[in-house]
Amino acid sequence: METIQIENLQITLENQGATTYSKVSYPLRYGRFNEIKTPGHTFQFNLNGELKFITGRGKEWPSPSEWLKRTLSGDWVYYSAGGYDGPYDCFGEYYIPCLSYPSNSINSFDPFRDRAVLSAIEAYASLHEQLTKLDRALLPSSVGSFVDLVRLNPPVALARKAARIVEIIGDSVSVLPPDTRHVDYEVIPLLIADGCLYKCGFCTVKSRLGFKDRSRENVENQIRELKDFFGNDTPNYNSLFLGQHDALHSDPGLLEFSATRAFEAFGLKESYLQHPSLFLFGSVDSILKAPFETFDRIEALPFRTYINVGLESADGETLRRLKKAITAEAVEAAFAKIVAINRRYQRIEITSNFVFGPDLPDGHIESVLRLARKHFDRHCPKGTLYFSPLVDAAHSGWKKEIKRQFYKLKIQIPVPAFLYLIQRL
């Protein structure tokens, strides 16, 4: 690690963060990064010289333990330690990601209305202008090389790069699996199929296209261009998202090929972070139709794999109201198979999504509890159930009631259960 002071800037290179993702109640950075401190802010950069995190240093900043993160798609996410009692019980994390775009958040606190938070984002432009005026000859070689990288990344260039990833993969990623919270949503996206099997009436994030696998040539092209996109920062990633909305329904050979090629091409074995993870979505149909041989092949991949399946409800009336074209019997059969897969495989965990709202039929919650009671006679740490607040409900007075209602449900479920905040890439 190397630190120099020039003008009012403290520049530190080669910061060494944690090598394993952890659930901790204090700010923690992962992998390797570079940092610039000004009197008002701390700016942290990835190894391409692209802005990644900002924390305020003044007393106007909401909390010294909270920070801003810039995502691959150019969104800002504010990590809040407050606003809820017991955030871990609700979300499985000690920090709540507050999003700068519409989602199903139940948070009444909007940090993007806070002047200190907005000023922090705006402050990067001033920092970048100051860096462009620094006399390069006064800087040590290593610091000068870092400053040169940052100079290539003014706000307008960062916006272009955010758009570039959509061009590479051929679509925007409107929702990530909830399990990607385990790696702070830091995943390399690789799309192996488009569309989804269902056109659910309640869904606001999935594609309206019919399902179709992509070609291996398309996958190879994405990998080649993604390698160039991530560049020097590639070793800071150890996880892969195979998209889009139902990669489990893809041809098993394509799924296996894509995961294996990506693991090799991105050098995930040499990542600064340990324990590579693979994330994908599944569906009731893809779970029921996939033979166990498919899961044998997934188990053999060099990842711990998380597959998230949208069940929504095991109550027929609720499914009809949601305009989800599956039956309660199919949901029950899929849940039984999910439980069997979780018990059979060590490196695969399948998690399930259910909706959560105040105006659903009375049979909805009872159907969820019935599934849990049928398949578990004691606590099981595997097979998390996520409950997604419906968007309309999340923007009503029910926000004030949701946490209490969720706790009442959670204590009756013998597997981990959390609320699901819809977050995009």
Protein backbone atom coordinates (compact mmCIF):
# COMPACT_ATOMS: atom_id res chain seq x y z
CA MET A 1 0.00 0.00 0.00
CA GLU A 2 1.35 3.45 -0.97
CA THR A 3 0.05 6.81 0.29
CA ILE A 4 1.00 10.33 -0.76
CA GLN A 5 -0.36 13.78 0.03
CA ILE A 6 -0.59 16.34 -2.77
CA GLU A 7 -2.45 19.61 -2.39
CA ASN A 8 -5.55 18.71 -0.33
CA LEU A 9 -5.68 15.13 -1.68
CA GLN A 10 -4.55 12.01 0.11
CA ILE A 11 -4.06 9.26 -2.47
CA THR A 12 -3.67 5.63 -1.39
CA LEU A 13 -2.94 2.84 -3.84
CA GLU A 14 -3.38 -0.93 -3.62
CA ASN A 15 -5.76 -1.05 -0.68
CA GLN A 16 -6.32 -4.68 0.30
CA GLY A 17 -9.93 -5.44 1.15
CA ALA A 18 -11.48 -8.63 2.48
CA THR A 19 -11.16 -11.77 0.35
CA THR A 20 -14.40 -13.39 1.48
CA TYR A 21 -17.89 -11.89 1.45
CA SER A 22 -19.19 -11.66 5.00
CA LYS A 23 -22.29 -10.57 6.92
CA VAL A 24 -20.92 -7.78 9.12
CA SER A 25 -22.42 -4.74 10.81
CA TYR A 26 -19.65 -2.31 9.81
CA PRO A 27 -18.40 -0.98 6.45
CA LEU A 28 -16.23 -3.52 4.64
CA ARG A 29 -14.62 -3.38 1.21
CA TYR A 30 -13.64 -6.39 -0.86
CA GLY A 31 -10.80 -7.14 -3.24
CA ARG A 32 -8.34 -4.41 -4.23
CA PHE A 33 -9.01 -0.75 -4.83
CA ASN A 34 -7.47 2.72 -4.85
CA GLU A 35 -8.62 5.69 -2.82
CA ILE A 36 -8.59 9.48 -2.79
CA LYS A 37 -9.56 11.46 0.29
CA THR A 38 -10.53 15.11 0.11
CA PRO A 39 -11.51 17.24 3.11
CA GLY A 40 -15.17 16.43 2.42
CA HIS A 41 -15.26 12.92 0.97
CA THR A 42 -13.57 9.59 0.47
CA PHE A 43 -13.65 8.34 -3.14
CA GLN A 44 -12.77 4.73 -3.89
CA PHE A 45 -11.97 3.44 -7.37
CA ASN A 46 -11.78 0.06 -9.03
CA LEU A 47 -8.63 -1.06 -10.84
CA ASN A 48 -9.77 0.58 -14.08
CA GLY A 49 -9.79 3.98 -12.39
CA GLU A 50 -13.62 4.04 -12.36
CA LEU A 51 -15.43 5.55 -9.39
CA LYS A 52 -17.03 2.86 -7.21
CA PHE A 53 -17.77 4.21 -3.70
CA ILE A 54 -18.19 7.58 -2.00
CA THR A 55 -18.41 8.28 1.73
CA GLY A 56 -18.89 11.72 3.26
CA ARG A 57 -16.38 12.91 5.84
CA GLY A 58 -18.19 15.98 7.13
CA LYS A 59 -20.75 16.26 9.89
CA GLU A 60 -23.49 16.80 7.29
CA TRP A 61 -23.08 13.21 6.07
CA PRO A 62 -25.99 11.11 7.42
CA SER A 63 -23.73 8.53 9.12
CA PRO A 64 -20.01 7.67 9.00
CA SER A 65 -20.97 4.01 8.63
CA GLU A 66 -23.03 4.57 5.46
CA TRP A 67 -21.89 4.98 1.88
CA LEU A 68 -22.78 5.35 -1.79
CA LYS A 69 -22.01 2.72 -4.40
CA ARG A 70 -21.98 3.15 -8.17
CA THR A 71 -23.13 0.00 -9.99
CA LEU A 72 -22.10 -1.42 -13.35
CA SER A 73 -25.22 0.10 -14.90
CA GLY A 74 -24.39 3.54 -13.53
CA ASP A 75 -27.01 3.54 -10.77
CA TRP A 76 -26.31 4.93 -7.33
CA VAL A 77 -27.20 2.82 -4.30
CA TYR A 78 -27.05 4.21 -0.78
CA TYR A 79 -26.23 1.69 1.95
CA SER A 80 -28.18 2.58 5.05
CA ALA A 81 -27.53 1.13 8.49
CA GLY A 82 -30.70 2.66 9.93
CA GLY A 83 -34.33 3.21 9.14
CA TYR A 84 -35.38 -0.24 10.36
CA ASP A 85 -35.31 -2.12 13.62
CA GLY A 86 -33.46 -5.35 13.06
CA PRO A 87 -32.60 -5.03 9.33
CA TYR A 88 -30.89 -8.41 9.38
CA ASP A 89 -34.10 -10.18 10.37
CA CYS A 90 -35.92 -8.50 7.49
CA PHE A 91 -33.34 -8.71 4.73
CA GLY A 92 -30.55 -11.04 5.82
CA GLU A 93 -28.09 -8.13 5.71
CA TYR A 94 -26.96 -5.49 8.18
CA TYR A 95 -27.20 -2.75 5.56
CA ILE A 96 -30.24 -1.83 3.51
CA PRO A 97 -29.56 -0.86 -0.12
CA CYS A 98 -31.61 2.25 -0.86
CA LEU A 99 -32.13 2.49 -4.60
CA SER A 100 -32.14 5.57 -6.80
CA TYR A 101 -34.77 4.09 -9.13
CA PRO A 102 -38.34 2.74 -8.63
CA SER A 103 -38.45 -0.67 -6.97
CA ASN A 104 -40.51 -2.48 -4.35
CA SER A 105 -38.65 -0.93 -1.45
CA ILE A 106 -40.57 -0.51 1.78
CA ASN A 107 -38.24 2.21 3.00
CA SER A 108 -39.83 5.59 3.68
CA PHE A 109 -36.35 7.16 3.92
CA ASP A 110 -35.07 8.47 0.57
CA PRO A 111 -31.37 9.37 0.82
CA PHE A 112 -31.46 10.84 -2.69
CA ARG A 113 -33.44 13.75 -1.30
CA ASP A 114 -30.63 14.44 1.18
CA ARG A 115 -28.49 17.37 0.10
CA ALA A 116 -25.31 15.81 1.53
CA VAL A 117 -25.82 12.64 -0.52
CA LEU A 118 -26.51 14.55 -3.73
CA SER A 119 -23.52 16.80 -3.06
CA ALA A 120 -21.28 13.76 -2.70
CA ILE A 121 -22.25 12.55 -6.17
CA GLU A 122 -21.72 16.02 -7.60
CA ALA A 123 -18.34 16.32 -5.83
CA TYR A 124 -16.76 13.77 -8.11
CA ALA A 125 -16.89 16.20 -11.03
CA SER A 126 -14.90 18.72 -8.97
CA LEU A 127 -12.38 16.06 -7.93
CA HIS A 128 -11.95 14.98 -11.54
CA GLU A 129 -11.33 18.58 -12.61
CA GLN A 130 -8.71 18.97 -9.88
CA LEU A 131 -6.95 15.77 -10.99
CA THR A 132 -6.77 16.98 -14.59
CA LYS A 133 -4.88 20.06 -13.38
CA LEU A 134 -2.31 18.20 -11.28
CA ASP A 135 1.26 18.43 -12.53
CA ARG A 136 1.98 14.86 -13.61
CA ALA A 137 5.73 15.42 -13.11
CA LEU A 138 5.20 15.91 -9.37
CA LEU A 139 3.63 12.48 -8.93
CA PRO A 140 5.40 9.18 -8.30
CA SER A 141 5.13 6.87 -11.28
CA SER A 142 2.56 4.53 -9.71
CA VAL A 143 0.38 7.40 -8.50
CA GLY A 144 0.66 9.13 -11.85
CA SER A 145 -0.50 5.98 -13.64
CA PHE A 146 -3.54 5.78 -11.35
CA VAL A 147 -4.37 9.46 -11.84
CA ASP A 148 -4.11 8.96 -15.61
CA LEU A 149 -6.73 6.20 -15.38
CA VAL A 150 -9.09 8.37 -13.33
CA ARG A 151 -8.64 11.23 -15.80
CA LEU A 152 -10.02 8.92 -18.49
CA ASN A 153 -13.20 8.49 -16.46
CA PRO A 154 -15.07 11.77 -16.02
CA PRO A 155 -18.81 11.45 -15.29
CA VAL A 156 -19.71 11.48 -18.99
CA ALA A 157 -17.29 8.60 -19.71
CA LEU A 158 -18.69 6.58 -16.80
CA ALA A 159 -22.18 7.04 -18.25
CA ARG A 160 -20.97 5.76 -21.64
CA LYS A 161 -19.44 2.69 -20.00
CA ALA A 162 -22.70 1.98 -18.16
CA ALA A 163 -24.47 1.97 -21.51
CA ARG A 164 -21.77 -0.18 -23.04
CA ILE A 165 -22.50 -3.23 -20.89
CA VAL A 166 -26.09 -3.26 -22.20
CA GLU A 167 -24.71 -3.27 -25.74
CA ILE A 168 -22.39 -6.17 -24.94
CA ILE A 169 -24.96 -8.52 -23.39
CA GLY A 170 -27.78 -7.37 -25.63
CA ASP A 171 -30.28 -6.36 -22.95
CA SER A 172 -30.59 -4.51 -19.67
CA VAL A 173 -30.72 -6.66 -16.53
CA SER A 174 -33.92 -5.44 -14.88
CA VAL A 175 -33.69 -7.76 -11.88
CA LEU A 176 -30.97 -9.82 -10.23
CA PRO A 177 -31.67 -12.95 -8.19
CA PRO A 178 -32.13 -12.06 -4.51
CA ASP A 179 -29.33 -14.48 -3.63
CA THR A 180 -26.80 -12.12 -5.25
CA ARG A 181 -26.99 -10.21 -1.96
CA HIS A 182 -24.44 -12.78 -0.76
CA VAL A 183 -21.84 -11.11 -3.01
CA ASP A 184 -23.20 -7.56 -2.66
CA TYR A 185 -24.75 -7.84 -6.15
CA GLU A 186 -21.23 -7.87 -7.66
CA VAL A 187 -21.68 -10.28 -10.56
CA ILE A 188 -20.48 -10.59 -14.14
CA PRO A 189 -23.65 -10.83 -16.27
CA LEU A 190 -23.79 -13.34 -19.11
CA LEU A 191 -27.09 -13.82 -20.93
CA ILE A 192 -27.70 -17.30 -22.31
CA ALA A 193 -31.42 -16.92 -23.08
CA ASP A 194 -34.01 -14.21 -23.66
CA GLY A 195 -37.60 -13.89 -22.52
CA CYS A 196 -39.49 -15.92 -19.96
CA LEU A 197 -42.07 -18.69 -19.94
CA TYR A 198 -44.84 -16.69 -18.31
CA LYS A 199 -46.30 -13.24 -18.87
CA CYS A 200 -47.45 -12.73 -15.29
CA GLY A 201 -49.89 -9.88 -14.85
CA PHE A 202 -48.35 -8.60 -11.62
CA CYS A 203 -44.72 -8.60 -12.81
CA THR A 204 -43.08 -5.28 -13.64
CA VAL A 205 -39.51 -6.40 -14.41
CA LYS A 206 -39.53 -9.47 -16.64
CA SER A 207 -39.36 -9.56 -20.42
CA ARG A 208 -42.49 -9.81 -22.53
CA LEU A 209 -40.56 -11.84 -25.11
CA GLY A 210 -41.07 -15.56 -25.50
CA PHE A 211 -38.31 -17.79 -24.18
CA LYS A 212 -35.40 -18.55 -26.52
CA ASP A 213 -31.88 -19.86 -25.96
CA ARG A 214 -28.98 -17.89 -27.33
CA SER A 215 -26.30 -19.52 -29.45
CA ARG A 216 -22.90 -20.59 -28.16
CA GLU A 217 -21.39 -18.11 -30.61
CA ASN A 218 -23.38 -15.30 -28.96
CA VAL A 219 -22.18 -16.43 -25.52
CA GLU A 220 -18.56 -16.53 -26.73
CA ASN A 221 -18.90 -13.02 -28.16
CA GLN A 222 -20.29 -11.72 -24.87
CA ILE A 223 -17.43 -13.29 -22.93
CA ARG A 224 -14.81 -11.81 -25.23
CA GLU A 225 -16.27 -8.31 -25.01
CA LEU A 226 -16.94 -8.56 -21.27
CA LYS A 227 -13.29 -9.44 -20.68
CA ASP A 228 -12.35 -6.17 -22.37
CA PHE A 229 -15.07 -4.28 -20.46
CA PHE A 230 -13.95 -5.46 -17.01
CA GLY A 231 -10.27 -5.23 -17.92
CA ASN A 232 -7.90 -4.74 -15.00
CA ASP A 233 -10.76 -5.01 -12.51
CA THR A 234 -11.71 -8.57 -13.50
CA PRO A 235 -9.88 -10.16 -10.51
CA ASN A 236 -12.25 -8.24 -8.19
CA TYR A 237 -15.11 -10.49 -9.35
CA ASN A 238 -15.68 -14.10 -8.36
CA SER A 239 -19.34 -14.53 -9.30
CA LEU A 240 -21.39 -15.00 -12.44
CA PHE A 241 -25.04 -14.30 -13.23
CA LEU A 242 -26.42 -16.45 -16.04
CA GLY A 243 -29.46 -14.62 -17.37
CA GLN A 244 -31.95 -13.61 -18.18
CA HIS A 245 -35.15 -14.72 -16.45
CA ASP A 246 -35.03 -18.51 -16.58
CA ALA A 247 -31.56 -19.80 -17.41
CA LEU A 248 -32.49 -23.14 -15.82
CA HIS A 249 -34.89 -23.68 -18.72
CA SER A 250 -32.00 -23.40 -21.19
CA ASP A 251 -30.44 -26.42 -22.80
CA PRO A 252 -28.33 -28.07 -20.05
CA GLY A 253 -25.37 -28.27 -22.40
CA LEU A 254 -25.56 -24.52 -23.07
CA LEU A 255 -25.80 -23.76 -19.36
CA GLU A 256 -22.81 -25.98 -18.56
CA PHE A 257 -20.78 -24.63 -21.48
CA SER A 258 -21.47 -20.99 -20.57
CA ALA A 259 -20.61 -21.38 -16.89
CA THR A 260 -17.43 -23.33 -17.61
CA ARG A 261 -16.21 -21.00 -20.36
CA ALA A 262 -16.87 -17.93 -18.23
CA PHE A 263 -15.05 -19.43 -15.24
CA GLU A 264 -11.99 -20.06 -17.40
CA ALA A 265 -12.10 -16.86 -19.47
CA PHE A 266 -12.52 -14.52 -16.52
CA GLY A 267 -9.94 -16.38 -14.44
CA LEU A 268 -12.30 -16.75 -11.51
CA LYS A 269 -10.01 -19.31 -9.91
CA GLU A 270 -7.42 -16.52 -9.58
CA SER A 271 -9.88 -13.92 -8.29
CA TYR A 272 -8.88 -11.81 -5.30
CA LEU A 273 -12.10 -13.13 -3.74
CA GLN A 274 -12.61 -16.68 -2.58
CA HIS A 275 -15.53 -19.06 -3.13
CA PRO A 276 -16.87 -18.39 -6.66
CA SER A 277 -20.65 -18.32 -6.95
CA LEU A 278 -23.09 -18.85 -9.82
CA PHE A 279 -26.56 -17.28 -9.81
CA LEU A 280 -29.55 -17.89 -12.05
CA PHE A 281 -33.32 -17.84 -12.13
CA GLY A 282 -35.55 -20.87 -12.58
CA SER A 283 -39.29 -21.37 -12.88
CA VAL A 284 -41.92 -23.89 -11.85
CA ASP A 285 -41.78 -25.47 -15.31
CA SER A 286 -37.99 -25.56 -15.53
CA ILE A 287 -37.70 -27.16 -12.08
CA LEU A 288 -40.30 -29.80 -12.88
CA LYS A 289 -38.93 -30.60 -16.33
CA ALA A 290 -35.22 -30.70 -15.45
CA PRO A 291 -34.01 -34.25 -14.74
CA PHE A 292 -31.69 -34.81 -11.81
CA GLU A 293 -28.91 -35.36 -14.36
CA THR A 294 -29.08 -31.60 -15.03
CA PHE A 295 -28.42 -30.87 -11.40
CA ASP A 296 -25.63 -33.43 -11.36
CA ARG A 297 -23.95 -31.35 -14.08
CA ILE A 298 -24.54 -28.11 -12.17
CA GLU A 299 -23.15 -29.66 -9.00
CA ALA A 300 -19.94 -30.50 -10.87
CA LEU A 301 -19.36 -26.88 -11.93
CA PRO A 302 -16.58 -24.95 -10.12
CA PHE A 303 -19.13 -22.76 -8.31
CA ARG A 304 -21.52 -22.77 -5.43
CA THR A 305 -24.77 -22.34 -7.34
CA TYR A 306 -27.90 -20.47 -6.27
CA ILE A 307 -31.09 -20.91 -8.30
CA ASN A 308 -34.01 -18.65 -7.48
CA VAL A 309 -37.50 -19.80 -8.46
CA GLY A 310 -40.62 -17.64 -8.58
CA LEU A 311 -43.40 -19.71 -7.01
CA GLU A 312 -45.43 -16.66 -5.86
CA SER A 313 -48.15 -18.69 -4.11
CA ALA A 314 -49.51 -22.20 -3.66
CA ASP A 315 -53.07 -20.89 -3.54
CA GLY A 316 -55.09 -21.19 -6.76
CA GLU A 317 -57.12 -18.04 -6.21
CA THR A 318 -53.98 -16.01 -5.57
CA LEU A 319 -52.30 -17.33 -8.71
CA ARG A 320 -55.34 -16.38 -10.75
CA ARG A 321 -55.38 -12.90 -9.29
CA LEU A 322 -51.66 -12.54 -10.08
CA LYS A 323 -52.37 -13.74 -13.64
CA LYS A 324 -49.67 -16.36 -13.31
CA ALA A 325 -50.36 -19.22 -15.71
CA ILE A 326 -49.54 -22.13 -13.42
CA THR A 327 -51.60 -24.22 -11.01
CA ALA A 328 -51.35 -24.61 -7.26
CA GLU A 329 -50.66 -28.31 -7.82
CA ALA A 330 -47.66 -27.46 -10.02
CA VAL A 331 -46.32 -25.09 -7.37
CA GLU A 332 -46.63 -27.79 -4.70
CA ALA A 333 -44.84 -30.31 -6.94
CA ALA A 334 -42.07 -27.80 -7.71
CA PHE A 335 -41.59 -27.01 -4.01
CA ALA A 336 -41.29 -30.71 -3.21
CA LYS A 337 -38.61 -31.08 -5.87
CA ILE A 338 -36.80 -27.97 -4.62
CA VAL A 339 -36.63 -29.50 -1.14
CA ALA A 340 -35.33 -32.78 -2.59
CA ILE A 341 -32.64 -31.01 -4.62
CA ASN A 342 -31.49 -28.96 -1.63
CA ARG A 343 -31.15 -32.14 0.43
CA ARG A 344 -29.40 -34.08 -2.32
CA TYR A 345 -26.72 -31.59 -3.42
CA GLN A 346 -24.02 -29.88 -1.37
CA ARG A 347 -23.11 -27.08 -3.79
CA ILE A 348 -26.59 -26.17 -5.04
CA GLU A 349 -29.16 -24.14 -3.14
CA ILE A 350 -32.57 -23.41 -4.63
CA THR A 351 -34.48 -20.53 -3.09
CA SER A 352 -38.13 -19.59 -3.64
CA ASN A 353 -40.03 -16.35 -4.11
CA PHE A 354 -43.52 -15.64 -2.79
CA VAL A 355 -45.53 -12.42 -3.02
CA PHE A 356 -46.42 -10.44 0.07
CA GLY A 357 -49.20 -7.89 0.26
CA PRO A 358 -52.27 -6.77 2.21
CA ASP A 359 -54.97 -7.44 -0.39
CA LEU A 360 -54.18 -11.02 -1.34
CA PRO A 361 -56.70 -13.84 -0.76
CA ASP A 362 -56.83 -15.32 2.73
CA GLY A 363 -55.56 -18.65 1.39
CA HIS A 364 -52.23 -17.25 0.21
CA ILE A 365 -50.24 -17.13 3.46
CA GLU A 366 -51.83 -20.35 4.65
CA SER A 367 -50.70 -22.05 1.44
CA VAL A 368 -47.10 -21.00 2.11
CA LEU A 369 -47.23 -22.23 5.69
CA ARG A 370 -48.81 -25.48 4.55
CA LEU A 371 -45.90 -26.13 2.18
CA ALA A 372 -43.37 -25.44 4.91
CA ARG A 373 -45.12 -27.66 7.48
CA LYS A 374 -45.47 -30.49 5.00
CA HIS A 375 -41.77 -30.66 4.16
CA PHE A 376 -39.99 -29.61 7.36
CA ASP A 377 -40.42 -30.90 10.88
CA ARG A 378 -37.48 -28.88 12.23
CA HIS A 379 -35.40 -25.85 11.32
CA CYS A 380 -33.43 -26.18 8.10
CA PRO A 381 -30.71 -23.62 7.19
CA LYS A 382 -31.00 -24.21 3.43
CA GLY A 383 -33.69 -23.19 0.95
CA THR A 384 -34.42 -19.56 1.78
CA LEU A 385 -37.92 -18.23 1.14
CA TYR A 386 -38.07 -14.65 -0.16
CA PHE A 387 -41.21 -12.55 0.13
CA SER A 388 -41.56 -9.80 -2.43
CA PRO A 389 -43.72 -6.80 -1.43
CA LEU A 390 -46.07 -6.05 -4.30
CA VAL A 391 -45.29 -2.68 -5.85
CA ASP A 392 -48.75 -1.17 -5.29
CA ALA A 393 -48.72 -2.31 -1.68
CA ALA A 394 -45.19 -1.01 -1.11
CA HIS A 395 -46.35 2.49 -2.07
CA SER A 396 -49.40 2.54 0.19
CA GLY A 397 -49.96 2.98 3.91
CA TRP A 398 -49.21 -0.70 4.25
CA LYS A 399 -45.51 0.23 4.29
CA LYS A 400 -45.88 1.06 7.95
CA GLU A 401 -47.36 -2.35 8.68
CA ILE A 402 -45.29 -4.66 6.49
CA LYS A 403 -42.44 -5.28 8.91
CA ARG A 404 -44.72 -6.33 11.76
CA GLN A 405 -46.74 -8.58 9.47
CA PHE A 406 -43.59 -10.13 8.04
CA TYR A 407 -42.20 -10.94 11.50
CA LYS A 408 -45.45 -12.70 12.38
CA LEU A 409 -45.01 -14.86 9.28
CA LYS A 410 -41.26 -15.40 9.58
CA ILE A 411 -41.38 -17.01 13.02
CA GLN A 412 -43.70 -19.71 11.65
CA ILE A 413 -41.34 -20.74 8.83
CA PRO A 414 -38.66 -23.37 9.54
CA VAL A 415 -36.23 -22.13 6.86
CA PRO A 416 -34.59 -18.71 6.48
CA ALA A 417 -37.12 -16.11 5.29
CA PHE A 418 -36.44 -12.55 4.15
CA LEU A 419 -38.04 -9.71 2.26
CA TYR A 420 -36.92 -9.40 -1.37
CA LEU A 421 -35.93 -5.98 -2.66
CA ILE A 422 -35.89 -5.96 -6.45
CA GLN A 423 -32.45 -4.71 -7.49
CA ARG A 424 -31.08 -4.47 -11.02
CA LEU A 425 -27.53 -4.82 -12.29
